[in-house]
C-alpha atoms as a PDB file:
ATOM      1  CA  MET A   1       0.000   0.000   0.000  1.00  0.00           C
ATOM      2  CA  ASP A   2       1.395   3.388  -1.001  1.00  0.00           C
ATOM      3  CA  HIS A   3       1.388   6.061   1.685  1.00  0.00           C
ATOM      4  CA  PHE A   4       2.850   9.514   1.378  1.00  0.00           C
ATOM      5  CA  PRO A   5       4.445  11.348   4.277  1.00  0.00           C
ATOM      6  CA  ALA A   6       2.050  13.541   6.188  1.00  0.00           C
ATOM      7  CA  LEU A   7       1.942  17.195   5.247  1.00  0.00           C
ATOM      8  CA  PRO A   8       2.292  19.909   7.882  1.00  0.00           C
ATOM      9  CA  TYR A   9      -0.417  19.927  10.544  1.00  0.00           C
ATOM     10  CA  THR A  10      -1.825  23.187   9.169  1.00  0.00           C
ATOM     11  CA  TRP A  11      -3.144  21.206   6.199  1.00  0.00           C
ATOM     12  CA  ALA A  12      -5.395  19.115   8.410  1.00  0.00           C
ATOM     13  CA  MET A  13      -8.888  20.355   7.717  1.00  0.00           C
ATOM     14  CA  THR A  14     -12.119  20.167   9.597  1.00  0.00           C
ATOM     15  CA  PRO A  15     -14.837  18.319   7.679  1.00  0.00           C
ATOM     16  CA  LEU A  16     -16.760  20.312   5.107  1.00  0.00           C
ATOM     17  CA  THR A  17     -20.271  21.397   6.023  1.00  0.00           C
ATOM     18  CA  PRO A  18     -23.186  20.657   3.665  1.00  0.00           C
ATOM     19  CA  LYS A  19     -23.256  24.347   2.696  1.00  0.00           C
ATOM     20  CA  GLN A  20     -19.540  24.295   1.835  1.00  0.00           C
ATOM     21  CA  ARG A  21     -19.939  21.061  -0.153  1.00  0.00           C
ATOM     22  CA  ALA A  22     -22.797  22.605  -2.129  1.00  0.00           C
ATOM     23  CA  HIS A  23     -20.642  25.653  -2.890  1.00  0.00           C
ATOM     24  CA  LEU A  24     -17.753  23.464  -4.089  1.00  0.00           C
ATOM     25  CA  ARG A  25     -20.100  21.291  -6.182  1.00  0.00           C
ATOM     26  CA  SER A  26     -21.385  24.395  -7.944  1.00  0.00           C
ATOM     27  CA  LEU A  27     -17.826  25.551  -8.673  1.00  0.00           C
ATOM     28  CA  ALA A  28     -16.860  22.101  -9.976  1.00  0.00           C
ATOM     29  CA  ASN A  29     -19.875  21.760 -12.241  1.00  0.00           C
ATOM     30  CA  HIS A  30     -18.033  22.955 -15.364  1.00  0.00           C
ATOM     31  CA  LEU A  31     -14.739  21.154 -14.654  1.00  0.00           C
ATOM     32  CA  LYS A  32     -13.522  18.215 -16.716  1.00  0.00           C
ATOM     33  CA  PRO A  33     -11.698  15.256 -15.104  1.00  0.00           C
ATOM     34  CA  VAL A  34      -7.927  15.808 -15.113  1.00  0.00           C
ATOM     35  CA  VAL A  35      -6.876  12.401 -13.736  1.00  0.00           C
ATOM     36  CA  ARG A  36      -8.125   8.975 -14.772  1.00  0.00           C
ATOM     37  CA  ILE A  37      -8.000   5.788 -12.715  1.00  0.00           C
ATOM     38  CA  GLY A  38      -7.750   2.741 -14.956  1.00  0.00           C
ATOM     39  CA  SER A  39      -7.007  -0.952 -14.659  1.00  0.00           C
ATOM     40  CA  GLY A  40      -3.962  -0.254 -12.473  1.00  0.00           C
ATOM     41  CA  GLY A  41      -6.237   1.169  -9.779  1.00  0.00           C
ATOM     42  CA  ILE A  42      -4.935   3.658  -7.268  1.00  0.00           C
ATOM     43  CA  ASN A  43      -1.186   3.262  -7.129  1.00  0.00           C
ATOM     44  CA  HIS A  44       1.793   5.503  -6.468  1.00  0.00           C
ATOM     45  CA  ALA A  45       1.661   7.015  -9.973  1.00  0.00           C
ATOM     46  CA  THR A  46      -2.049   7.824  -9.688  1.00  0.00           C
ATOM     47  CA  LEU A  47      -1.626   9.465  -6.296  1.00  0.00           C
ATOM     48  CA  GLN A  48       1.361  11.418  -7.611  1.00  0.00           C
ATOM     49  CA  SER A  49      -0.729  12.655 -10.578  1.00  0.00           C
ATOM     50  CA  ILE A  50      -3.444  13.860  -8.204  1.00  0.00           C
ATOM     51  CA  ARG A  51      -0.857  15.539  -5.970  1.00  0.00           C
ATOM     52  CA  GLU A  52       0.663  17.326  -9.002  1.00  0.00           C
ATOM     53  CA  ALA A  53      -2.775  18.434 -10.185  1.00  0.00           C
ATOM     54  CA  PHE A  54      -3.307  20.067  -6.792  1.00  0.00           C
ATOM     55  CA  ASN A  55      -0.186  22.194  -7.384  1.00  0.00           C
ATOM     56  CA  THR A  56      -2.168  24.331  -9.845  1.00  0.00           C
ATOM     57  CA  ARG A  57      -5.762  24.029  -8.638  1.00  0.00           C
ATOM     58  CA  GLU A  58      -7.743  23.572  -5.449  1.00  0.00           C
ATOM     59  CA  LEU A  59     -10.693  21.723  -6.928  1.00  0.00           C
ATOM     60  CA  LEU A  60     -10.446  18.856  -9.394  1.00  0.00           C
ATOM     61  CA  LYS A  61     -12.288  15.895 -10.815  1.00  0.00           C
ATOM     62  CA  VAL A  62     -11.039  12.331 -11.192  1.00  0.00           C
ATOM     63  CA  ARG A  63     -12.696   9.805 -13.515  1.00  0.00           C
ATOM     64  CA  VAL A  64     -12.771   6.137 -12.488  1.00  0.00           C
ATOM     65  CA  LEU A  65     -12.811   4.071 -15.674  1.00  0.00           C
ATOM     66  CA  GLU A  66     -14.860   0.896 -16.077  1.00  0.00           C
ATOM     67  CA  SER A  67     -11.640  -1.143 -16.068  1.00  0.00           C
ATOM     68  CA  ALA A  68     -10.661   0.107 -12.587  1.00  0.00           C
ATOM     69  CA  PRO A  69     -10.592  -2.588  -9.897  1.00  0.00           C
ATOM     70  CA  ALA A  70     -12.523  -0.465  -7.364  1.00  0.00           C
ATOM     71  CA  ALA A  71     -15.680   1.634  -7.638  1.00  0.00           C
ATOM     72  CA  ALA A  72     -15.633   5.426  -7.440  1.00  0.00           C
ATOM     73  CA  ARG A  73     -16.690   5.587  -3.763  1.00  0.00           C
ATOM     74  CA  ALA A  74     -14.010   3.132  -2.676  1.00  0.00           C
ATOM     75  CA  SER A  75     -11.419   4.964  -4.768  1.00  0.00           C
ATOM     76  CA  ALA A  76     -12.486   8.296  -3.248  1.00  0.00           C
ATOM     77  CA  GLY A  77     -12.026   6.926   0.260  1.00  0.00           C
ATOM     78  CA  ARG A  78      -8.560   5.644  -0.586  1.00  0.00           C
ATOM     79  CA  ILE A  79      -7.512   8.992  -2.100  1.00  0.00           C
ATOM     80  CA  GLU A  80      -8.833  10.898   0.914  1.00  0.00           C
ATOM     81  CA  ARG A  81      -6.995   8.546   3.272  1.00  0.00           C
ATOM     82  CA  ASP A  82      -3.667   8.513   1.397  1.00  0.00           C
ATOM     83  CA  LEU A  83      -3.347  12.206   0.475  1.00  0.00           C
ATOM     84  CA  THR A  84      -3.352  14.426   3.536  1.00  0.00           C
ATOM     85  CA  GLY A  85      -5.486  17.534   3.269  1.00  0.00           C
ATOM     86  CA  VAL A  86      -7.644  16.226   0.415  1.00  0.00           C
ATOM     87  CA  GLN A  87     -11.383  16.053   0.976  1.00  0.00           C
ATOM     88  CA  VAL A  88     -13.960  14.349  -1.196  1.00  0.00           C
ATOM     89  CA  VAL A  89     -16.645  16.819  -2.203  1.00  0.00           C
ATOM     90  CA  GLN A  90     -18.796  14.265  -4.013  1.00  0.00           C
ATOM     91  CA  THR A  91     -18.836  11.092  -6.048  1.00  0.00           C
ATOM     92  CA  LEU A  92     -21.293  11.077  -8.911  1.00  0.00           C
ATOM     93  CA  GLY A  93     -21.314   8.019 -11.130  1.00  0.00           C
ATOM     94  CA  HIS A  94     -17.705   7.390 -12.105  1.00  0.00           C
ATOM     95  CA  VAL A  95     -16.487  10.900 -11.241  1.00  0.00           C
ATOM     96  CA  ILE A  96     -14.926  12.008  -7.955  1.00  0.00           C
ATOM     97  CA  THR A  97     -14.672  15.697  -7.043  1.00  0.00           C
ATOM     98  CA  LEU A  98     -11.777  16.525  -4.710  1.00  0.00           C
ATOM     99  CA  TYR A  99     -10.838  19.678  -2.801  1.00  0.00           C
ATOM    100  CA  ARG A 100      -7.595  20.782  -1.189  1.00  0.00           C
ATOM    101  CA  PRO A 101      -6.976  24.487  -0.493  1.00  0.00           C
ATOM    102  CA  PHE A 102      -3.650  26.085  -1.283  1.00  0.00           C
ATOM    103  CA  PRO A 103      -1.682  26.198   1.995  1.00  0.00           C
ATOM    104  CA  GLU A 104      -0.531  29.820   1.734  1.00  0.00           C
ATOM    105  CA  GLU A 105      -3.358  31.740   0.072  1.00  0.00           C
ATOM    106  CA  PRO A 106      -6.475  29.749  -0.799  1.00  0.00           C
ATOM    107  CA  GLU A 107      -8.227  30.976  -3.930  1.00  0.00           C
ATOM    108  CA  ILE A 108     -11.608  29.444  -3.128  1.00  0.00           C
ATOM    109  CA  ARG A 109     -13.411  31.149  -0.272  1.00  0.00           C
ATOM    110  CA  LEU A 110     -15.738  28.738   1.497  1.00  0.00           C
ATOM    111  CA  PRO A 111     -18.992  29.951   3.062  1.00  0.00           C
ATOM    112  CA  GLU A 112     -18.958  30.310   6.843  1.00  0.00           C
ATOM    113  CA  ARG A 113     -19.903  27.305   8.881  1.00  0.00           C
END
């Protein structure tokens, strides 16, 4: 099992509220998936691709292909567990929406709790 070293404690987030999830879902509505999970499943290369995608954006979509060994919900849980600071916004069909704010200056402003 691939695990990455934990990021600084400041990246640990409190769970998103339903209002915040709704806001992020609306922002992600127009986004296209930037990472695909195929027959290799979630491995080191897949997690590295997701990590690199978060270098340029705070919100992204991942498509789980039919050939993937695990369903989208199971894959989302694994991503959330293995990449510190990443939260699953939603899984819809074969698409996972993920959120991780920039550590220094977040671009997306979440609604108050």
